[in-house]
Structures are given as structure tokens and as C-alpha cells.
Amino acid sequence: MEQNLTEARLNDLTTDADAESFADDEGASATEAGGKYVYCIIRQGEPREFGDIGIGGSARVYTVHHRDLAAVVSDTPIVIYDPTRENVLAHEFVNETVMREFTVIPMSFGTVFRSESDVGELLRSTYDAFTDVLDKMQDKIEFGVQIRWDRDKVVASIEEENDEIRRLKDEITRNAASSTYFARMQLGRLIESALEDCAGRYVATVHDELKRVSVASRSNKVIGDRMILNAAFLVNRADEASFDAAVKELSRRYEQLLTFKYTGPWPPYNFVNIKLKLEKAS
């Protein structure tokens, strides 16, 4: 099914800064100290503290600086962090806390640097690129929109509206004993084709409505048979109320057939792609 969503990555940032890769480093242990877990990048020239909310158990979260850029970090041993629910929620909670005051460039879960100087080198070597991304993301936040449908109700609606499907179904029903396998196969193909067209129309309508109150959107893979849309929308903070109202209006309009799941605000995870060159710890 083709989804008519504007797919946009506003920046694809590649840097050769030395983040740690521990997948093959059996010598890394939880007792090693001095590492820095990096949550996000912000524009901030003065030191800031965000409380003892970091990953790994109430770690102090603070900033490391280069000029007017800052990395939000906490101290960490040199380890691989498993993406457990607790760890992922801690990572996300820090980013959500910081974004209440700042525009953030979120870093991937599990980004660990060997030292504060390495974090500073990241900021120095990618200063222009990070500044450009922060300019593009200034005062923008992300919302997630998922749509699932009640397939049986949609099929019933299609059968009422589609003359060919309705006639074929009636014929098969009237001649249940003699109806052929091929007639049933034809009915199934017609219904599946109509469902695909219907889903495309729903998705296009939702996108057309939401693009009026968003900056960009990105389509992600749908999950399961009932989901027809899994998308992220980049929204100006000033338009948050308008976006919220637009989603609620769409949900009311299609409440008999579609279920909307609406999440956020989030940092712009789907609209910034940061690629670090990984080097194994020595």
C-alpha cells in the first residue's frame, strides 16, 4: 500500500567523532569510570544541571560545552547499556525534561564517550553541522500518529458501496452449494483491492489535514494487520494546539471505523539522523 506522506529528514549529520563501540570489547566492565553518556545536544553557553535523573540509577545530568553548544550528559562506566524498558525510559525522560526548555538534537540510545574531552571534540568538530540542525529544529517538536481500523466494519462499508462486490457476494450466498472456488477467490481479491484503495484514501485524507498544521512528516513501517498508518509529524511549538485539534477532529470524523493513537510531544527523533563513526575502545 502506497502512503502519500511527505518523507523528510531535515538533516543527515555524519561525524567522525570517537564514540565508543563495545560489542567486541569483553574487557569493558561496570567498574570502569570516566565515561560520558550523551543524551542530546542543545544550544546553551552556560553550565546547566538537570537533576539526578540519568540512566543507570539517579545519575547526575549536566552539560559539557564548546562555545554556545552543549551536550547533555551523565557520568557512566564504560559499558554497553541493554535497551531494557527501564533504560530506554530513563534515556527518553532526560530528553523530554531538557526539551521543556530547549530545542534538542536527540542522540541514539546507548551513546557513550570515553571522556569529557571526547564529548568536547564531538561538539568542536561538528559545530557548524550541529548549529545548522538546531537552526532547522528551533522550536519544533515531534508527534506520533498511528491509525488502526476495524477491518470487518470497513469491509461491510465497502460491500454496501461497491456494486460489483455486493453482486458477487450475493451470487455466492444464493448458490452456496454450487459456487466455485474461483468465484470465492475473485471476491477475496476484489475485497483486498478495495481495502487497499480505502486505506490509501484514509491515509491521504489524514495527511492532507495534518500537513496544514505541521512542518514535515515521516512514514514509518506499519505494525500488524490492523494498522494503516504509522507516522511522525514535525510541528512548530506555536502550532501544537492546532495540531492537537486537527487530530481530534479526524478521530471524531472516523470514529466508527478508525482508532487514532496520538503521542508526544517528543524530541525530533524521526527528523534528525546522526551517524557517528564508531571506534572500539583500546
Protein backbone atom coordinates (compact mmCIF):
# COMPACT_ATOMS: atom_id res chain seq x y z
CA MET A 1 0.00 0.00 0.00
CA GLU A 2 1.43 3.36 -1.01
CA GLN A 3 1.17 6.00 1.68
CA ASN A 4 1.09 9.59 0.41
CA LEU A 5 3.17 11.06 3.18
CA THR A 6 5.88 13.64 2.75
CA GLU A 7 9.00 11.85 3.98
CA ALA A 8 11.52 14.36 5.23
CA ARG A 9 14.82 14.17 7.05
CA LEU A 10 15.73 17.81 7.61
CA ASN A 11 19.34 16.91 8.22
CA ASP A 12 21.58 13.89 7.82
CA LEU A 13 24.60 14.60 10.01
CA THR A 14 27.72 12.45 9.76
CA THR A 15 30.66 12.94 12.11
CA ASP A 16 33.93 11.12 12.70
CA ALA A 17 33.99 11.85 16.43
CA ASP A 18 35.05 8.88 18.54
CA ALA A 19 32.03 7.37 20.21
CA GLU A 20 32.62 4.03 21.85
CA SER A 21 31.64 0.68 20.36
CA PHE A 22 31.86 -2.13 22.93
CA ALA A 23 30.24 -5.02 21.10
CA ASP A 24 33.54 -6.87 20.81
CA ASP A 25 35.22 -5.50 23.90
CA GLU A 26 34.88 -8.17 26.57
CA GLY A 27 37.21 -6.23 28.82
CA ALA A 28 34.69 -3.46 29.42
CA SER A 29 33.25 -3.78 32.91
CA ALA A 30 30.74 -1.97 35.04
CA THR A 31 33.52 -0.84 37.41
CA GLU A 32 35.27 1.35 34.84
CA ALA A 33 34.67 5.08 35.37
CA GLY A 34 35.11 8.29 33.43
CA GLY A 35 32.74 7.70 30.54
CA LYS A 36 30.04 10.15 29.48
CA TYR A 37 26.57 9.05 28.39
CA VAL A 38 25.26 11.62 25.88
CA TYR A 39 21.50 12.23 25.65
CA CYS A 40 21.21 15.22 23.35
CA ILE A 41 22.77 18.42 22.04
CA ILE A 42 21.37 21.86 22.83
CA ARG A 43 22.31 25.50 22.26
CA GLN A 44 23.48 26.71 25.66
CA GLY A 45 26.62 28.60 26.64
CA GLU A 46 26.37 28.40 30.41
CA PRO A 47 26.59 25.26 32.60
CA ARG A 48 23.24 23.67 33.42
CA GLU A 49 22.14 20.96 35.81
CA PHE A 50 19.00 18.87 35.21
CA GLY A 51 18.96 16.80 38.39
CA ASP A 52 19.76 13.21 39.30
CA ILE A 53 17.63 11.67 36.56
CA GLY A 54 20.20 9.91 34.36
CA ILE A 55 20.40 6.37 33.09
CA GLY A 56 21.80 3.70 35.35
CA GLY A 57 20.17 4.86 38.56
CA SER A 58 19.79 8.52 39.60
CA ALA A 59 22.89 9.75 37.79
CA ARG A 60 23.52 13.50 37.76
CA VAL A 61 22.66 15.06 34.40
CA TYR A 62 24.61 18.16 33.37
CA THR A 63 26.16 19.91 30.37
CA VAL A 64 29.53 19.75 28.61
CA HIS A 65 30.30 22.77 26.41
CA HIS A 66 32.00 24.09 23.32
CA ARG A 67 31.24 27.73 22.61
CA ASP A 68 27.44 28.08 22.62
CA LEU A 69 26.77 24.36 22.16
CA ALA A 70 26.27 21.88 24.98
CA ALA A 71 25.98 18.13 25.23
CA VAL A 72 23.63 16.91 27.96
CA VAL A 73 25.45 14.04 29.70
CA SER A 74 25.76 11.93 32.80
CA ASP A 75 28.76 10.06 34.17
CA THR A 76 28.85 6.39 33.30
CA PRO A 77 31.07 3.34 33.44
CA ILE A 78 32.30 2.14 30.05
CA VAL A 79 29.61 -0.45 29.37
CA ILE A 80 27.02 -1.41 26.81
CA TYR A 81 23.56 -0.43 28.02
CA ASP A 82 20.93 -3.04 27.31
CA PRO A 83 17.78 -1.49 25.78
CA THR A 84 15.60 -2.58 28.67
CA ARG A 85 12.36 -0.74 29.33
CA GLU A 86 13.90 0.92 32.39
CA ASN A 87 16.97 2.13 30.49
CA VAL A 88 15.09 3.35 27.43
CA LEU A 89 12.56 5.22 29.59
CA ALA A 90 15.41 6.86 31.53
CA HIS A 91 17.04 7.97 28.27
CA GLU A 92 13.76 9.36 26.96
CA PHE A 93 12.89 11.03 30.26
CA VAL A 94 16.10 13.06 30.21
CA ASN A 95 15.43 14.23 26.65
CA GLU A 96 11.83 15.10 27.50
CA THR A 97 12.97 17.05 30.57
CA VAL A 98 15.55 19.03 28.58
CA MET A 99 13.16 19.79 25.72
CA ARG A 100 10.82 21.64 28.07
CA GLU A 101 13.34 24.48 27.94
CA PHE A 102 15.49 23.83 24.89
CA THR A 103 15.42 22.73 21.28
CA VAL A 104 17.22 19.38 21.33
CA ILE A 105 19.11 17.18 18.88
CA PRO A 106 18.47 13.73 20.37
CA MET A 107 21.29 11.19 20.38
CA SER A 108 20.70 7.48 19.90
CA PHE A 109 20.15 5.29 22.95
CA GLY A 110 23.41 3.96 24.36
CA THR A 111 25.77 6.70 23.07
CA VAL A 112 28.81 6.63 25.38
CA PHE A 113 32.07 8.58 25.04
CA ARG A 114 35.28 7.75 26.84
CA SER A 115 35.80 11.16 28.43
CA GLU A 116 34.56 14.73 28.70
CA SER A 117 37.29 15.83 26.29
CA ASP A 118 35.93 13.40 23.66
CA VAL A 119 32.48 14.94 24.07
CA GLY A 120 34.04 18.37 23.65
CA GLU A 121 35.76 17.18 20.48
CA LEU A 122 32.41 15.99 19.13
CA LEU A 123 30.98 19.47 19.67
CA ARG A 124 34.05 21.17 18.19
CA SER A 125 34.35 19.01 15.09
CA THR A 126 30.66 19.16 14.25
CA TYR A 127 29.94 22.68 15.47
CA ASP A 128 28.70 24.03 12.14
CA ALA A 129 26.59 20.94 11.40
CA PHE A 130 25.00 20.87 14.85
CA THR A 131 24.31 24.60 14.68
CA ASP A 132 22.62 24.16 11.30
CA VAL A 133 20.42 21.35 12.63
CA LEU A 134 19.47 23.37 15.72
CA ASP A 135 18.51 26.28 13.48
CA LYS A 136 16.25 23.98 11.44
CA MET A 137 14.75 22.37 14.55
CA GLN A 138 14.32 25.58 16.54
CA ASP A 139 11.05 25.45 18.49
CA LYS A 140 9.89 22.28 16.72
CA ILE A 141 8.59 19.12 18.36
CA GLU A 142 7.51 15.70 17.12
CA PHE A 143 4.18 13.92 17.45
CA GLY A 144 3.38 10.33 16.56
CA VAL A 145 0.10 9.35 14.90
CA GLN A 146 -0.96 5.72 14.44
CA ILE A 147 -4.24 4.64 12.88
CA ARG A 148 -5.84 1.22 13.17
CA TRP A 149 -9.10 0.18 11.59
CA ASP A 150 -11.91 -2.24 12.33
CA ARG A 151 -11.47 -4.42 9.26
CA ASP A 152 -14.87 -6.11 9.49
CA LYS A 153 -16.68 -2.77 9.65
CA VAL A 154 -14.65 -1.40 6.75
CA VAL A 155 -15.42 -4.49 4.66
CA ALA A 156 -19.13 -4.11 5.45
CA SER A 157 -18.96 -0.48 4.37
CA ILE A 158 -17.19 -1.45 1.13
CA GLU A 159 -19.78 -4.11 0.36
CA GLU A 160 -22.55 -1.53 0.70
CA GLU A 161 -20.83 0.93 -1.64
CA ASN A 162 -19.25 -1.38 -4.26
CA ASP A 163 -21.86 -2.78 -6.68
CA GLU A 164 -19.54 -5.43 -8.15
CA ILE A 165 -18.54 -6.82 -4.77
CA ARG A 166 -22.13 -6.76 -3.50
CA ARG A 167 -23.46 -8.61 -6.58
CA LEU A 168 -20.73 -11.25 -6.46
CA LYS A 169 -21.23 -11.82 -2.73
CA ASP A 170 -25.00 -12.14 -3.20
CA GLU A 171 -24.48 -14.63 -6.04
CA ILE A 172 -22.15 -16.78 -3.93
CA THR A 173 -24.58 -16.64 -0.99
CA ARG A 174 -27.57 -17.65 -3.12
CA ASN A 175 -25.64 -20.51 -4.71
CA ALA A 176 -23.62 -21.59 -1.72
CA ALA A 177 -23.72 -25.25 -2.66
CA SER A 178 -22.58 -24.75 -6.24
CA SER A 179 -20.46 -21.61 -6.05
CA THR A 180 -16.97 -22.23 -7.32
CA TYR A 181 -13.64 -21.85 -5.63
CA PHE A 182 -12.68 -19.34 -8.31
CA ALA A 183 -15.72 -17.17 -7.58
CA ARG A 184 -14.75 -17.01 -3.92
CA MET A 185 -11.15 -16.24 -4.87
CA GLN A 186 -12.36 -13.43 -7.13
CA LEU A 187 -14.44 -11.99 -4.29
CA GLY A 188 -11.46 -12.12 -1.95
CA ARG A 189 -9.23 -10.33 -4.47
CA LEU A 190 -11.85 -7.63 -5.06
CA ILE A 191 -12.25 -7.02 -1.34
CA GLU A 192 -8.47 -6.87 -0.74
CA SER A 193 -8.06 -4.41 -3.62
CA ALA A 194 -10.90 -2.28 -2.30
CA LEU A 195 -9.38 -2.35 1.19
CA GLU A 196 -6.04 -1.19 -0.15
CA ASP A 197 -7.68 1.67 -2.04
CA CYS A 198 -9.73 2.58 1.01
CA ALA A 199 -6.68 2.63 3.29
CA GLY A 200 -4.85 4.84 0.79
CA ARG A 201 -7.73 7.32 0.78
CA TYR A 202 -7.86 7.43 4.57
CA VAL A 203 -4.11 7.99 4.82
CA ALA A 204 -4.13 10.68 2.14
CA THR A 205 -7.02 12.49 3.84
CA VAL A 206 -5.33 12.40 7.24
CA HIS A 207 -2.08 13.64 5.75
CA ASP A 208 -3.79 16.46 3.84
CA GLU A 209 -5.46 17.64 7.04
CA LEU A 210 -2.37 17.42 9.25
CA LYS A 211 0.13 18.91 6.81
CA ARG A 212 -1.65 22.24 7.24
CA VAL A 213 -0.51 22.39 10.86
CA SER A 214 2.87 20.63 10.59
CA VAL A 215 6.27 21.31 9.06
CA ALA A 216 7.08 17.81 7.79
CA SER A 217 6.03 14.21 8.17
CA ARG A 218 7.70 10.84 8.00
CA SER A 219 6.11 7.47 7.30
CA ASN A 220 7.25 4.52 9.40
CA LYS A 221 6.51 0.82 8.97
CA VAL A 222 3.01 -0.21 9.98
CA ILE A 223 2.73 -2.90 12.67
CA GLY A 224 0.22 -5.71 12.32
CA ASP A 225 -2.75 -6.19 10.01
CA ARG A 226 -4.98 -3.57 11.60
CA MET A 227 -2.60 -0.60 11.40
CA ILE A 228 -2.84 1.52 8.23
CA LEU A 229 -0.72 4.49 9.28
CA ASN A 230 2.34 4.90 11.49
CA ALA A 231 3.73 8.39 11.04
CA ALA A 232 5.70 11.12 12.77
CA PHE A 233 4.90 14.80 12.31
CA LEU A 234 7.23 17.73 12.96
CA VAL A 235 5.26 20.63 14.43
CA ASN A 236 6.09 24.18 15.44
CA ARG A 237 5.54 24.64 19.16
CA ALA A 238 3.25 27.55 18.36
CA ASP A 239 1.02 25.19 16.33
CA GLU A 240 0.77 22.45 18.96
CA ALA A 241 -2.83 23.32 19.91
CA SER A 242 -3.88 23.48 16.26
CA PHE A 243 -2.27 20.11 15.51
CA ASP A 244 -3.95 18.59 18.56
CA ALA A 245 -7.33 19.93 17.45
CA ALA A 246 -6.84 18.60 13.90
CA VAL A 247 -6.05 15.07 15.16
CA LYS A 248 -9.07 15.09 17.48
CA GLU A 249 -11.35 16.26 14.66
CA LEU A 250 -10.14 13.45 12.37
CA SER A 251 -10.64 10.95 15.19
CA ARG A 252 -14.22 12.12 15.66
CA ARG A 253 -14.91 12.07 11.92
CA TYR A 254 -13.88 8.44 11.52
CA GLU A 255 -14.70 7.13 14.99
CA GLN A 256 -16.94 4.35 13.61
CA LEU A 257 -14.14 2.80 11.56
CA LEU A 258 -10.75 4.11 12.71
CA THR A 259 -8.90 4.29 16.02
CA PHE A 260 -6.26 7.01 16.42
CA LYS A 261 -3.28 6.71 18.77
CA TYR A 262 -1.64 10.09 19.28
CA THR A 263 1.63 10.51 21.23
CA GLY A 264 4.01 13.34 22.05
CA PRO A 265 5.44 15.82 22.20
CA TRP A 266 8.82 14.18 21.58
CA PRO A 267 12.24 15.38 20.54
CA PRO A 268 12.56 15.19 16.72
CA TYR A 269 13.80 11.57 16.70
CA ASN A 270 12.45 10.89 13.21
CA PHE A 271 13.78 14.06 11.62
CA VAL A 272 17.44 14.13 12.65
CA ASN A 273 19.75 11.32 11.63
CA ILE A 274 23.11 11.41 13.42
CA LYS A 275 25.73 8.91 12.30
CA LEU A 276 28.84 8.52 14.44
CA LYS A 277 31.95 6.71 13.29
CA LEU A 278 32.41 4.07 15.97
CA GLU A 279 35.83 3.04 17.22
CA LYS A 280 36.49 0.12 19.52
CA ALA A 281 37.83 1.11 22.92
CA SER A 282 41.51 0.38 23.35
